[in-house]
Amino acid sequence: MILLAIDTATESVSVALHDGEDVVAFSEIRSDRQHAEALTPMIQHVCSQARIDLRDVGGIAVDVGPGLFTGMRVGIASAKALAQVLDVGVIEVSSVEAVARSVTSECDVVASVIDARRGEVFWSLNRTLDGAMRQVGEVQIGSVESCIVDIADRGQSVVLAGTGALRHREDFTERLSGVVPAFEFAAEASAVPSAAHVARIGYERARREEWVAAKDVSPRYLRQPDAEINWSTRSS
């Protein structure tokens, strides 16, 4: 089965094709203003690159967030539309698990930390169990301080990855030094979720038949969009 993966949840826009063995085509750009314009040409490009007709795609995997509201909506809307046209199912993948999957480290815990703006971060803690990356607890949103406390409470060595980890590197360094046995920061290449990892996670789930109907795919916001927050504030 050919699986098409889409990721537009952060500043990066990426698309990948998985042929059942591994990713056979991949395209990515870094921009927070061109998600809608870039996505369709990128899908066409990876299909051409892999010499695969879009009609041969047997499923869609999409990053459903958390992340940037506008970007998430672009990717999810495109995934739903393609799934309906192709009459295939959708696999939902979160941005934090896609970031965690990209990390290679000897540390006990992978902290996937994505910038949520307004001084907040999305995060999840992950461990390799039975040879696979597993999420420990729920995906959370909160202050950098809350994220640091959550990491420190585990008392294990940790590698921090994601745009939030890089943006608040000084805070993490200052507060975790001497508190956990060891910590490090993943490479900048692991800072944003990638459709290549969405594809790999998605294919594993497809094999377990964890499909979602296109109409049921929904973004994981974790908080209201800014426009709704502003309207609520003005109305109160």
Protein backbone atom coordinates (compact mmCIF):
# COMPACT_ATOMS: atom_id res chain seq x y z
CA MET A 1 0.00 0.00 0.00
CA ILE A 2 1.14 3.52 -0.84
CA LEU A 3 0.66 6.01 1.99
CA LEU A 4 0.76 9.77 1.44
CA ALA A 5 1.82 11.80 4.49
CA ILE A 6 1.16 15.51 5.03
CA ASP A 7 2.58 17.80 7.71
CA THR A 8 1.71 21.49 7.94
CA ALA A 9 1.36 21.85 11.72
CA THR A 10 4.35 24.16 12.24
CA GLU A 11 6.50 26.56 10.21
CA SER A 12 7.49 23.64 8.00
CA VAL A 13 5.41 22.17 5.20
CA SER A 14 6.36 18.65 4.16
CA VAL A 15 4.97 15.76 2.15
CA ALA A 16 6.17 12.16 1.91
CA LEU A 17 5.25 8.88 0.23
CA HIS A 18 5.70 5.50 1.95
CA ASP A 19 5.62 2.37 -0.21
CA GLY A 20 5.34 -0.23 2.56
CA GLU A 21 9.08 -0.52 3.03
CA ASP A 22 10.09 3.06 3.77
CA VAL A 23 9.76 6.64 2.57
CA VAL A 24 10.39 6.76 -1.19
CA ALA A 25 9.84 10.48 -1.81
CA PHE A 26 9.98 13.54 0.39
CA SER A 27 9.64 17.31 -0.05
CA GLU A 28 9.88 20.09 2.55
CA ILE A 29 9.95 23.88 2.78
CA ARG A 30 10.33 26.09 5.85
CA SER A 31 7.85 28.99 5.84
CA ASP A 32 4.97 30.02 8.08
CA ARG A 33 3.15 31.90 5.30
CA GLN A 34 2.97 29.56 2.30
CA HIS A 35 1.25 26.42 3.57
CA ALA A 36 -1.80 26.57 1.31
CA GLU A 37 0.12 27.69 -1.78
CA ALA A 38 2.90 25.13 -1.40
CA LEU A 39 1.06 21.97 -0.45
CA THR A 40 -0.59 20.91 -3.72
CA PRO A 41 2.55 21.41 -5.87
CA MET A 42 4.56 19.47 -3.27
CA ILE A 43 2.14 16.54 -3.42
CA GLN A 44 2.43 16.54 -7.20
CA HIS A 45 6.22 16.71 -6.89
CA VAL A 46 6.61 13.68 -4.60
CA CYS A 47 4.27 11.63 -6.78
CA SER A 48 6.36 12.54 -9.81
CA GLN A 49 9.59 11.88 -7.90
CA ALA A 50 8.41 8.38 -6.91
CA ARG A 51 6.71 7.77 -10.27
CA ILE A 52 3.46 7.07 -8.48
CA ASP A 53 0.04 8.13 -9.70
CA LEU A 54 -1.96 9.86 -6.98
CA ARG A 55 -4.80 7.43 -7.72
CA ASP A 56 -2.55 4.60 -6.48
CA VAL A 57 -2.40 6.07 -2.96
CA GLY A 58 -4.15 3.73 -0.53
CA GLY A 59 -4.27 5.98 2.54
CA ILE A 60 -3.44 9.41 3.94
CA ALA A 61 -1.48 10.16 7.13
CA VAL A 62 -1.69 13.69 8.48
CA ASP A 63 -0.22 15.64 11.37
CA VAL A 64 -3.26 16.80 13.39
CA GLY A 65 -1.25 18.96 15.82
CA PRO A 66 -0.87 20.53 18.18
CA GLY A 67 0.73 23.40 16.32
CA LEU A 68 -0.05 26.57 14.38
CA PHE A 69 -3.79 26.92 13.87
CA THR A 70 -3.79 28.07 10.24
CA GLY A 71 -1.17 25.55 9.17
CA MET A 72 -2.95 22.66 10.88
CA ARG A 73 -6.22 23.51 9.13
CA VAL A 74 -4.53 23.58 5.71
CA GLY A 75 -3.03 20.11 6.11
CA ILE A 76 -6.10 18.53 7.65
CA ALA A 77 -8.47 20.02 5.09
CA SER A 78 -6.25 18.76 2.25
CA ALA A 79 -5.97 15.29 3.79
CA LYS A 80 -9.73 15.04 4.21
CA ALA A 81 -10.40 16.23 0.66
CA LEU A 82 -7.89 13.80 -0.84
CA ALA A 83 -9.20 10.91 1.25
CA GLN A 84 -12.74 11.58 0.08
CA VAL A 85 -11.73 11.87 -3.58
CA LEU A 86 -9.58 8.71 -3.44
CA ASP A 87 -12.06 6.91 -1.16
CA VAL A 88 -9.38 5.95 1.36
CA GLY A 89 -8.97 6.21 5.13
CA VAL A 90 -6.87 8.61 7.18
CA ILE A 91 -4.31 8.00 9.91
CA GLU A 92 -3.95 10.73 12.53
CA VAL A 93 -0.45 11.48 13.88
CA SER A 94 0.43 14.12 16.46
CA SER A 95 3.19 16.66 15.91
CA VAL A 96 4.91 15.86 19.20
CA GLU A 97 5.23 12.17 18.40
CA ALA A 98 6.58 12.97 14.93
CA VAL A 99 9.28 15.13 16.56
CA ALA A 100 10.08 12.43 19.12
CA ARG A 101 10.44 9.81 16.38
CA SER A 102 13.16 11.89 14.69
CA VAL A 103 15.45 11.83 17.75
CA THR A 104 18.33 9.44 18.33
CA SER A 105 19.78 9.55 21.84
CA GLU A 106 20.96 7.40 24.72
CA CYS A 107 18.91 9.46 27.19
CA ASP A 108 16.07 7.82 29.10
CA VAL A 109 13.41 10.31 28.01
CA VAL A 110 12.71 12.29 24.85
CA ALA A 111 10.93 15.57 25.61
CA SER A 112 9.17 16.75 22.48
CA VAL A 113 8.60 20.48 22.99
CA ILE A 114 6.89 22.61 20.33
CA ASP A 115 6.59 26.38 20.52
CA ALA A 116 2.96 27.38 21.14
CA ARG A 117 3.76 31.11 21.11
CA ARG A 118 2.53 33.58 23.74
CA GLY A 119 5.19 32.19 26.10
CA GLU A 120 3.74 28.67 26.10
CA VAL A 121 4.82 25.30 24.72
CA PHE A 122 3.17 22.04 23.74
CA TRP A 123 5.02 19.02 25.06
CA SER A 124 5.02 15.28 25.56
CA LEU A 125 7.47 12.96 27.27
CA ASN A 126 8.45 9.79 25.44
CA ARG A 127 10.45 6.64 26.10
CA THR A 128 11.65 3.75 23.97
CA LEU A 129 9.80 0.67 25.16
CA ASP A 130 9.90 -2.73 23.44
CA GLY A 131 11.91 -1.19 20.63
CA ALA A 132 9.37 1.53 19.87
CA MET A 133 8.94 5.15 20.93
CA ARG A 134 6.03 5.40 23.37
CA GLN A 135 4.41 8.51 24.77
CA VAL A 136 4.43 8.79 28.58
CA GLY A 137 1.31 10.64 29.73
CA GLU A 138 -0.81 13.12 27.80
CA VAL A 139 0.24 15.89 25.45
CA GLN A 140 0.17 19.13 27.44
CA ILE A 141 0.23 22.88 26.93
CA GLY A 142 1.52 25.37 29.45
CA SER A 143 4.34 27.62 30.47
CA VAL A 144 7.97 26.69 29.92
CA GLU A 145 8.24 26.46 33.69
CA SER A 146 5.46 23.84 33.81
CA CYS A 147 7.22 21.82 31.12
CA ILE A 148 10.51 21.97 33.03
CA VAL A 149 8.81 20.82 36.24
CA ASP A 150 7.23 17.88 34.39
CA ILE A 151 10.62 16.83 33.01
CA ALA A 152 12.40 17.32 36.34
CA ASP A 153 9.78 15.26 38.21
CA ARG A 154 10.80 12.16 36.24
CA GLY A 155 14.38 12.48 37.48
CA GLN A 156 15.79 10.80 34.36
CA SER A 157 18.24 11.83 31.67
CA VAL A 158 16.46 13.68 28.88
CA VAL A 159 16.99 14.89 25.34
CA LEU A 160 14.95 17.95 24.39
CA ALA A 161 13.72 18.34 20.83
CA GLY A 162 11.45 20.74 19.00
CA THR A 163 11.00 24.42 18.27
CA GLY A 164 10.01 25.11 21.88
CA ALA A 165 13.15 23.48 23.23
CA LEU A 166 15.34 25.57 20.93
CA ARG A 167 13.50 28.84 21.54
CA HIS A 168 13.72 28.45 25.32
CA ARG A 169 17.08 26.70 25.41
CA GLU A 170 18.53 29.02 28.05
CA ASP A 171 15.58 28.42 30.40
CA PHE A 172 15.84 24.64 30.06
CA THR A 173 19.59 24.73 30.53
CA GLU A 174 19.43 26.91 33.63
CA ARG A 175 16.61 25.02 35.33
CA LEU A 176 17.61 21.43 34.48
CA SER A 177 21.33 21.73 35.29
CA GLY A 178 22.03 19.62 38.36
CA VAL A 179 18.38 18.56 38.61
CA VAL A 180 18.32 15.61 36.18
CA PRO A 181 21.19 13.14 35.72
CA ALA A 182 21.93 14.48 32.24
CA PHE A 183 20.28 16.44 29.45
CA GLU A 184 21.03 17.42 25.89
CA PHE A 185 19.38 19.15 22.96
CA ALA A 186 18.55 17.33 19.75
CA ALA A 187 19.84 18.65 16.44
CA GLU A 188 18.00 21.54 14.83
CA ALA A 189 16.93 19.15 12.07
CA SER A 190 14.63 17.51 14.63
CA ALA A 191 13.00 20.79 15.65
CA VAL A 192 9.94 20.53 13.41
CA PRO A 193 7.73 17.51 12.73
CA SER A 194 8.40 15.94 9.36
CA ALA A 195 6.08 14.16 6.94
CA ALA A 196 8.75 11.46 6.64
CA HIS A 197 8.17 10.48 10.28
CA VAL A 198 4.43 11.01 9.96
CA ALA A 199 4.59 8.50 7.10
CA ARG A 200 6.50 5.93 9.16
CA ILE A 201 4.23 6.26 12.16
CA GLY A 202 1.20 6.29 9.88
CA TYR A 203 2.20 3.11 8.10
CA GLU A 204 2.65 1.29 11.40
CA ARG A 205 -0.86 2.33 12.40
CA ALA A 206 -2.26 1.44 9.00
CA ARG A 207 -0.97 -2.09 9.47
CA ARG A 208 -2.92 -2.18 12.73
CA GLU A 209 -6.01 -0.87 10.90
CA GLU A 210 -6.14 2.32 12.96
CA TRP A 211 -7.98 4.21 10.24
CA VAL A 212 -10.21 7.25 10.75
CA ALA A 213 -12.94 8.27 8.31
CA ALA A 214 -12.17 11.55 6.57
CA LYS A 215 -15.17 13.28 8.12
CA ASP A 216 -13.96 12.39 11.62
CA VAL A 217 -10.44 13.83 11.33
CA SER A 218 -10.05 16.86 13.59
CA PRO A 219 -7.20 19.10 14.78
CA ARG A 220 -5.75 18.82 18.28
CA TYR A 221 -5.71 22.46 19.26
CA LEU A 222 -5.30 22.08 23.07
CA ARG A 223 -6.40 25.71 23.32
CA GLN A 224 -8.73 28.09 21.51
CA PRO A 225 -7.50 29.79 18.33
CA ASP A 226 -6.24 33.32 18.97
CA ALA A 227 -9.24 34.88 17.20
CA GLU A 228 -11.66 33.08 19.52
CA ILE A 229 -9.64 34.07 22.58
CA ASN A 230 -9.59 37.71 21.48
CA TRP A 231 -13.35 37.67 20.83
CA SER A 232 -14.03 36.10 24.23
CA THR A 233 -11.88 38.76 25.90
CA ARG A 234 -13.66 41.60 24.13
CA SER A 235 -17.07 40.13 24.93
CA SER A 236 -16.42 39.66 28.67
